[in-house]
Amino acid sequence: MKELLRSNDPTVIAFASALLQGEGIGVFEMDVHMSVLEGSVGVLPRRLMVVEKDMFLARAIMRDNDIVTTDAS
């Protein structure tokens, strides 16, 4: 899996997940439970992961919806 998106805003992660799942792209959200360690301050970002073969389409969907993704590396 590759990182598509990293954000401190849970609404951005939820919106991006819904968009991708609506297009049949499987997503996995990482660092969801890190708020236990940080005290629910929201300092640690969550990451949205997709399978490498879906990355091109996933980036296009994010771009079409004005969501900034992690740099391609």
PDB file of N, CA and C in Angstrom:
ATOM      1  N   MET A   1       0.841  -1.174   0.000  1.00  0.00           N
ATOM      2  CA  MET A   1       0.000   0.000   0.000  1.00  0.00           C
ATOM      3  C   MET A   1       0.891   1.245   0.000  1.00  0.00           C
ATOM      4  N   LYS A   2       0.357   2.284  -0.579  1.00  0.00           N
ATOM      5  CA  LYS A   2       1.077   3.563  -0.650  1.00  0.00           C
ATOM      6  C   LYS A   2       0.230   4.658  -0.031  1.00  0.00           C
ATOM      7  N   GLU A   3       0.921   5.657   0.518  1.00  0.00           N
ATOM      8  CA  GLU A   3       0.231   6.791   1.135  1.00  0.00           C
ATOM      9  C   GLU A   3      -0.298   7.732   0.063  1.00  0.00           C
ATOM     10  N   LEU A   4      -1.593   7.969   0.117  1.00  0.00           N
ATOM     11  CA  LEU A   4      -2.234   8.895  -0.817  1.00  0.00           C
ATOM     12  C   LEU A   4      -2.413  10.259  -0.183  1.00  0.00           C
ATOM     13  N   LEU A   5      -2.782  10.275   1.094  1.00  0.00           N
ATOM     14  CA  LEU A   5      -3.185  11.511   1.742  1.00  0.00           C
ATOM     15  C   LEU A   5      -2.775  11.486   3.200  1.00  0.00           C
ATOM     16  N   ARG A   6      -2.355  12.641   3.703  1.00  0.00           N
ATOM     17  CA  ARG A   6      -2.016  12.805   5.120  1.00  0.00           C
ATOM     18  C   ARG A   6      -2.656  14.100   5.591  1.00  0.00           C
ATOM     19  N   SER A   7      -3.463  14.017   6.672  1.00  0.00           N
ATOM     20  CA  SER A   7      -4.163  15.203   7.137  1.00  0.00           C
ATOM     21  C   SER A   7      -4.490  15.108   8.625  1.00  0.00           C
ATOM     22  N   ASN A   8      -4.501  16.268   9.268  1.00  0.00           N
ATOM     23  CA  ASN A   8      -4.946  16.362  10.662  1.00  0.00           C
ATOM     24  C   ASN A   8      -6.456  16.527  10.744  1.00  0.00           C
ATOM     25  N   ASP A   9      -7.092  16.797   9.625  1.00  0.00           N
ATOM     26  CA  ASP A   9      -8.531  17.054   9.576  1.00  0.00           C
ATOM     27  C   ASP A   9      -9.287  15.755   9.285  1.00  0.00           C
ATOM     28  N   PRO A  10      -9.998  15.211  10.276  1.00  0.00           N
ATOM     29  CA  PRO A  10     -10.705  13.942  10.055  1.00  0.00           C
ATOM     30  C   PRO A  10     -11.815  14.040   9.009  1.00  0.00           C
ATOM     31  N   THR A  11     -12.336  15.238   8.780  1.00  0.00           N
ATOM     32  CA  THR A  11     -13.389  15.369   7.767  1.00  0.00           C
ATOM     33  C   THR A  11     -12.825  15.210   6.358  1.00  0.00           C
ATOM     34  N   VAL A  12     -11.602  15.658   6.142  1.00  0.00           N
ATOM     35  CA  VAL A  12     -10.960  15.489   4.834  1.00  0.00           C
ATOM     36  C   VAL A  12     -10.721  14.006   4.577  1.00  0.00           C
ATOM     37  N   ILE A  13     -10.242  13.296   5.594  1.00  0.00           N
ATOM     38  CA  ILE A  13      -9.996  11.859   5.464  1.00  0.00           C
ATOM     39  C   ILE A  13     -11.308  11.124   5.169  1.00  0.00           C
ATOM     40  N   ALA A  14     -12.362  11.471   5.896  1.00  0.00           N
ATOM     41  CA  ALA A  14     -13.660  10.813   5.696  1.00  0.00           C
ATOM     42  C   ALA A  14     -14.212  11.092   4.299  1.00  0.00           C
ATOM     43  N   PHE A  15     -14.101  12.330   3.845  1.00  0.00           N
ATOM     44  CA  PHE A  15     -14.591  12.704   2.513  1.00  0.00           C
ATOM     45  C   PHE A  15     -13.808  11.965   1.427  1.00  0.00           C
ATOM     46  N   ALA A  16     -12.488  11.964   1.559  1.00  0.00           N
ATOM     47  CA  ALA A  16     -11.648  11.280   0.578  1.00  0.00           C
ATOM     48  C   ALA A  16     -11.945   9.784   0.566  1.00  0.00           C
ATOM     49  N   SER A  17     -12.123   9.191   1.720  1.00  0.00           N
ATOM     50  CA  SER A  17     -12.451   7.761   1.799  1.00  0.00           C
ATOM     51  C   SER A  17     -13.766   7.465   1.100  1.00  0.00           C
ATOM     52  N   ALA A  18     -14.761   8.292   1.334  1.00  0.00           N
ATOM     53  CA  ALA A  18     -16.071   8.098   0.708  1.00  0.00           C
ATOM     54  C   ALA A  18     -15.981   8.224  -0.811  1.00  0.00           C
ATOM     55  N   LEU A  19     -15.228   9.208  -1.282  1.00  0.00           N
ATOM     56  CA  LEU A  19     -15.067   9.381  -2.730  1.00  0.00           C
ATOM     57  C   LEU A  19     -14.416   8.156  -3.366  1.00  0.00           C
ATOM     58  N   LEU A  20     -13.345   7.684  -2.749  1.00  0.00           N
ATOM     59  CA  LEU A  20     -12.604   6.553  -3.302  1.00  0.00           C
ATOM     60  C   LEU A  20     -13.421   5.269  -3.241  1.00  0.00           C
ATOM     61  N   GLN A  21     -14.083   5.029  -2.124  1.00  0.00           N
ATOM     62  CA  GLN A  21     -14.893   3.823  -1.996  1.00  0.00           C
ATOM     63  C   GLN A  21     -16.059   3.856  -2.979  1.00  0.00           C
ATOM     64  N   GLY A  22     -16.585   5.031  -3.242  1.00  0.00           N
ATOM     65  CA  GLY A  22     -17.656   5.180  -4.224  1.00  0.00           C
ATOM     66  C   GLY A  22     -17.207   4.817  -5.631  1.00  0.00           C
ATOM     67  N   GLU A  23     -15.903   4.930  -5.877  1.00  0.00           N
ATOM     68  CA  GLU A  23     -15.338   4.569  -7.179  1.00  0.00           C
ATOM     69  C   GLU A  23     -14.773   3.152  -7.190  1.00  0.00           C
ATOM     70  N   GLY A  24     -14.981   2.423  -6.100  1.00  0.00           N
ATOM     71  CA  GLY A  24     -14.513   1.041  -6.033  1.00  0.00           C
ATOM     72  C   GLY A  24     -13.055   0.879  -5.670  1.00  0.00           C
ATOM     73  N   ILE A  25     -12.453   1.911  -5.120  1.00  0.00           N
ATOM     74  CA  ILE A  25     -11.051   1.850  -4.709  1.00  0.00           C
ATOM     75  C   ILE A  25     -11.003   1.586  -3.211  1.00  0.00           C
ATOM     76  N   GLY A  26     -10.325   0.518  -2.826  1.00  0.00           N
ATOM     77  CA  GLY A  26     -10.181   0.178  -1.416  1.00  0.00           C
ATOM     78  C   GLY A  26      -9.218   1.126  -0.733  1.00  0.00           C
ATOM     79  N   VAL A  27      -9.557   1.546   0.474  1.00  0.00           N
ATOM     80  CA  VAL A  27      -8.701   2.451   1.237  1.00  0.00           C
ATOM     81  C   VAL A  27      -8.482   1.878   2.631  1.00  0.00           C
ATOM     82  N   PHE A  28      -7.372   2.262   3.240  1.00  0.00           N
ATOM     83  CA  PHE A  28      -7.070   1.881   4.607  1.00  0.00           C
ATOM     84  C   PHE A  28      -6.580   3.123   5.335  1.00  0.00           C
ATOM     85  N   GLU A  29      -7.202   3.441   6.446  1.00  0.00           N
ATOM     86  CA  GLU A  29      -6.824   4.623   7.219  1.00  0.00           C
ATOM     87  C   GLU A  29      -5.861   4.210   8.332  1.00  0.00           C
ATOM     88  N   MET A  30      -4.698   4.830   8.343  1.00  0.00           N
ATOM     89  CA  MET A  30      -3.687   4.530   9.360  1.00  0.00           C
ATOM     90  C   MET A  30      -3.629   5.650  10.387  1.00  0.00           C
ATOM     91  N   ASP A  31      -3.143   5.321  11.555  1.00  0.00           N
ATOM     92  CA  ASP A  31      -2.929   6.263  12.666  1.00  0.00           C
ATOM     93  C   ASP A  31      -4.238   6.778  13.256  1.00  0.00           C
ATOM     94  N   VAL A  32      -5.305   6.006  13.133  1.00  0.00           N
ATOM     95  CA  VAL A  32      -6.615   6.418  13.648  1.00  0.00           C
ATOM     96  C   VAL A  32      -6.598   6.526  15.162  1.00  0.00           C
ATOM     97  N   HIS A  33      -5.943   5.602  15.816  1.00  0.00           N
ATOM     98  CA  HIS A  33      -5.979   5.550  17.277  1.00  0.00           C
ATOM     99  C   HIS A  33      -4.793   6.256  17.939  1.00  0.00           C
ATOM    100  N   MET A  34      -4.066   7.050  17.180  1.00  0.00           N
ATOM    101  CA  MET A  34      -2.937   7.785  17.741  1.00  0.00           C
ATOM    102  C   MET A  34      -3.394   8.885  18.697  1.00  0.00           C
ATOM    103  N   SER A  35      -4.674   9.275  18.618  1.00  0.00           N
ATOM    104  CA  SER A  35      -5.178  10.317  19.522  1.00  0.00           C
ATOM    105  C   SER A  35      -5.093   9.874  20.973  1.00  0.00           C
ATOM    106  N   VAL A  36      -5.051   8.576  21.225  1.00  0.00           N
ATOM    107  CA  VAL A  36      -4.886   8.068  22.591  1.00  0.00           C
ATOM    108  C   VAL A  36      -3.527   8.501  23.129  1.00  0.00           C
ATOM    109  N   LEU A  37      -2.517   8.486  22.275  1.00  0.00           N
ATOM    110  CA  LEU A  37      -1.172   8.865  22.694  1.00  0.00           C
ATOM    111  C   LEU A  37      -0.989  10.378  22.788  1.00  0.00           C
ATOM    112  N   GLU A  38      -1.663  11.110  21.930  1.00  0.00           N
ATOM    113  CA  GLU A  38      -1.466  12.551  21.893  1.00  0.00           C
ATOM    114  C   GLU A  38      -2.452  13.321  22.767  1.00  0.00           C
ATOM    115  N   GLY A  39      -3.447  12.655  23.324  1.00  0.00           N
ATOM    116  CA  GLY A  39      -4.411  13.325  24.184  1.00  0.00           C
ATOM    117  C   GLY A  39      -5.514  14.027  23.420  1.00  0.00           C
ATOM    118  N   SER A  40      -5.860  13.558  22.230  1.00  0.00           N
ATOM    119  CA  SER A  40      -6.953  14.094  21.401  1.00  0.00           C
ATOM    120  C   SER A  40      -6.755  15.553  20.997  1.00  0.00           C
ATOM    121  N   VAL A  41      -5.520  15.982  20.870  1.00  0.00           N
ATOM    122  CA  VAL A  41      -5.210  17.354  20.464  1.00  0.00           C
ATOM    123  C   VAL A  41      -5.290  17.507  18.945  1.00  0.00           C
ATOM    124  N   GLY A  42      -5.085  16.434  18.208  1.00  0.00           N
ATOM    125  CA  GLY A  42      -5.140  16.490  16.750  1.00  0.00           C
ATOM    126  C   GLY A  42      -3.836  16.895  16.104  1.00  0.00           C
ATOM    127  N   VAL A  43      -2.728  16.685  16.795  1.00  0.00           N
ATOM    128  CA  VAL A  43      -1.420  17.081  16.280  1.00  0.00           C
ATOM    129  C   VAL A  43      -0.885  16.059  15.284  1.00  0.00           C
ATOM    130  N   LEU A  44      -1.127  14.791  15.530  1.00  0.00           N
ATOM    131  CA  LEU A  44      -0.607  13.743  14.662  1.00  0.00           C
ATOM    132  C   LEU A  44      -1.568  13.502  13.498  1.00  0.00           C
ATOM    133  N   PRO A  45      -1.053  13.574  12.282  1.00  0.00           N
ATOM    134  CA  PRO A  45      -1.927  13.400  11.118  1.00  0.00           C
ATOM    135  C   PRO A  45      -2.320  11.939  10.899  1.00  0.00           C
ATOM    136  N   ARG A  46      -3.456  11.751  10.276  1.00  0.00           N
ATOM    137  CA  ARG A  46      -3.896  10.431   9.845  1.00  0.00           C
ATOM    138  C   ARG A  46      -3.475  10.258   8.400  1.00  0.00           C
ATOM    139  N   ARG A  47      -3.257   9.004   8.002  1.00  0.00           N
ATOM    140  CA  ARG A  47      -2.840   8.712   6.636  1.00  0.00           C
ATOM    141  C   ARG A  47      -3.871   7.828   5.964  1.00  0.00           C
ATOM    142  N   LEU A  48      -4.107   8.100   4.700  1.00  0.00           N
ATOM    143  CA  LEU A  48      -5.016   7.299   3.895  1.00  0.00           C
ATOM    144  C   LEU A  48      -4.170   6.542   2.875  1.00  0.00           C
ATOM    145  N   MET A  49      -4.292   5.225   2.895  1.00  0.00           N
ATOM    146  CA  MET A  49      -3.466   4.372   2.049  1.00  0.00           C
ATOM    147  C   MET A  49      -4.329   3.702   0.980  1.00  0.00           C
ATOM    148  N   VAL A  50      -3.744   3.513  -0.207  1.00  0.00           N
ATOM    149  CA  VAL A  50      -4.403   2.770  -1.283  1.00  0.00           C
ATOM    150  C   VAL A  50      -3.387   1.808  -1.891  1.00  0.00           C
ATOM    151  N   VAL A  51      -3.900   0.788  -2.561  1.00  0.00           N
ATOM    152  CA  VAL A  51      -3.037  -0.164  -3.250  1.00  0.00           C
ATOM    153  C   VAL A  51      -2.331   0.561  -4.391  1.00  0.00           C
ATOM    154  N   GLU A  52      -1.089   0.205  -4.630  1.00  0.00           N
ATOM    155  CA  GLU A  52      -0.274   0.909  -5.624  1.00  0.00           C
ATOM    156  C   GLU A  52      -0.921   0.950  -7.009  1.00  0.00           C
ATOM    157  N   LYS A  53      -1.604  -0.109  -7.413  1.00  0.00           N
ATOM    158  CA  LYS A  53      -2.216  -0.142  -8.751  1.00  0.00           C
ATOM    159  C   LYS A  53      -3.365   0.857  -8.891  1.00  0.00           C
ATOM    160  N   ASP A  54      -3.944   1.286  -7.769  1.00  0.00           N
ATOM    161  CA  ASP A  54      -5.046   2.252  -7.789  1.00  0.00           C
ATOM    162  C   ASP A  54      -4.589   3.702  -7.585  1.00  0.00           C
ATOM    163  N   MET A  55      -3.296   3.905  -7.400  1.00  0.00           N
ATOM    164  CA  MET A  55      -2.785   5.224  -7.041  1.00  0.00           C
ATOM    165  C   MET A  55      -3.077   6.281  -8.108  1.00  0.00           C
ATOM    166  N   PHE A  56      -2.882   5.969  -9.380  1.00  0.00           N
ATOM    167  CA  PHE A  56      -3.101   6.956 -10.439  1.00  0.00           C
ATOM    168  C   PHE A  56      -4.543   7.451 -10.446  1.00  0.00           C
ATOM    169  N   LEU A  57      -5.493   6.515 -10.418  1.00  0.00           N
ATOM    170  CA  LEU A  57      -6.909   6.872 -10.415  1.00  0.00           C
ATOM    171  C   LEU A  57      -7.286   7.603  -9.132  1.00  0.00           C
ATOM    172  N   ALA A  58      -6.747   7.162  -8.005  1.00  0.00           N
ATOM    173  CA  ALA A  58      -7.046   7.797  -6.714  1.00  0.00           C
ATOM    174  C   ALA A  58      -6.568   9.251  -6.699  1.00  0.00           C
ATOM    175  N   ARG A  59      -5.382   9.498  -7.230  1.00  0.00           N
ATOM    176  CA  ARG A  59      -4.867  10.873  -7.298  1.00  0.00           C
ATOM    177  C   ARG A  59      -5.740  11.745  -8.198  1.00  0.00           C
ATOM    178  N   ALA A  60      -6.214  11.176  -9.297  1.00  0.00           N
ATOM    179  CA  ALA A  60      -7.078  11.926 -10.210  1.00  0.00           C
ATOM    180  C   ALA A  60      -8.393  12.291  -9.524  1.00  0.00           C
ATOM    181  N   ILE A  61      -8.950  11.361  -8.760  1.00  0.00           N
ATOM    182  CA  ILE A  61     -10.195  11.630  -8.034  1.00  0.00           C
ATOM    183  C   ILE A  61      -9.978  12.728  -7.000  1.00  0.00           C
ATOM    184  N   MET A  62      -8.868  12.680  -6.292  1.00  0.00           N
ATOM    185  CA  MET A  62      -8.569  13.705  -5.287  1.00  0.00           C
ATOM    186  C   MET A  62      -8.380  15.064  -5.961  1.00  0.00           C
ATOM    187  N   ARG A  63      -7.667  15.081  -7.073  1.00  0.00           N
ATOM    188  CA  ARG A  63      -7.421  16.334  -7.804  1.00  0.00           C
ATOM    189  C   ARG A  63      -8.737  16.938  -8.298  1.00  0.00           C
ATOM    190  N   ASP A  64      -9.642  16.099  -8.792  1.00  0.00           N
ATOM    191  CA  ASP A  64     -10.936  16.562  -9.293  1.00  0.00           C
ATOM    192  C   ASP A  64     -11.803  17.157  -8.187  1.00  0.00           C
ATOM    193  N   ASN A  65     -11.527  16.790  -6.946  1.00  0.00           N
ATOM    194  CA  ASN A  65     -12.298  17.279  -5.802  1.00  0.00           C
ATOM    195  C   ASN A  65     -11.500  18.255  -4.943  1.00  0.00           C
ATOM    196  N   ASP A  66     -10.418  18.795  -5.490  1.00  0.00           N
ATOM    197  CA  ASP A  66      -9.590  19.808  -4.820  1.00  0.00           C
ATOM    198  C   ASP A  66      -9.041  19.351  -3.478  1.00  0.00           C
ATOM    199  N   ILE A  67      -8.652  18.087  -3.403  1.00  0.00           N
ATOM    200  CA  ILE A  67      -8.011  17.559  -2.193  1.00  0.00           C
ATOM    201  C   ILE A  67      -6.540  17.367  -2.515  1.00  0.00           C
ATOM    202  N   VAL A  68      -5.680  17.991  -1.740  1.00  0.00           N
ATOM    203  CA  VAL A  68      -4.232  17.920  -1.956  1.00  0.00           C
ATOM    204  C   VAL A  68      -3.716  16.592  -1.402  1.00  0.00           C
ATOM    205  N   THR A  69      -3.009  15.842  -2.241  1.00  0.00           N
ATOM    206  CA  THR A  69      -2.475  14.546  -1.836  1.00  0.00           C
ATOM    207  C   THR A  69      -1.007  14.648  -1.473  1.00  0.00           C
ATOM    208  N   THR A  70      -0.506  13.562  -0.916  1.00  0.00           N
ATOM    209  CA  THR A  70       0.907  13.464  -0.594  1.00  0.00           C
ATOM    210  C   THR A  70       1.694  13.435  -1.898  1.00  0.00           C
ATOM    211  N   ASP A  71       2.880  14.051  -1.910  1.00  0.00           N
ATOM    212  CA  ASP A  71       3.708  14.092  -3.123  1.00  0.00           C
ATOM    213  C   ASP A  71       3.991  12.694  -3.634  1.00  0.00           C
ATOM    214  N   ALA A  72       4.008  12.556  -4.938  1.00  0.00           N
ATOM    215  CA  ALA A  72       4.348  11.281  -5.559  1.00  0.00           C
ATOM    216  C   ALA A  72       5.836  11.025  -5.358  1.00  0.00           C
ATOM    217  N   SER A  73       6.152   9.906  -4.735  1.00  0.00           N
ATOM    218  CA  SER A  73       7.563   9.562  -4.535  1.00  0.00           C
ATOM    219  C   SER A  73       7.798   8.103  -4.747  1.00  0.00           C
TER     220      SER A  73
END
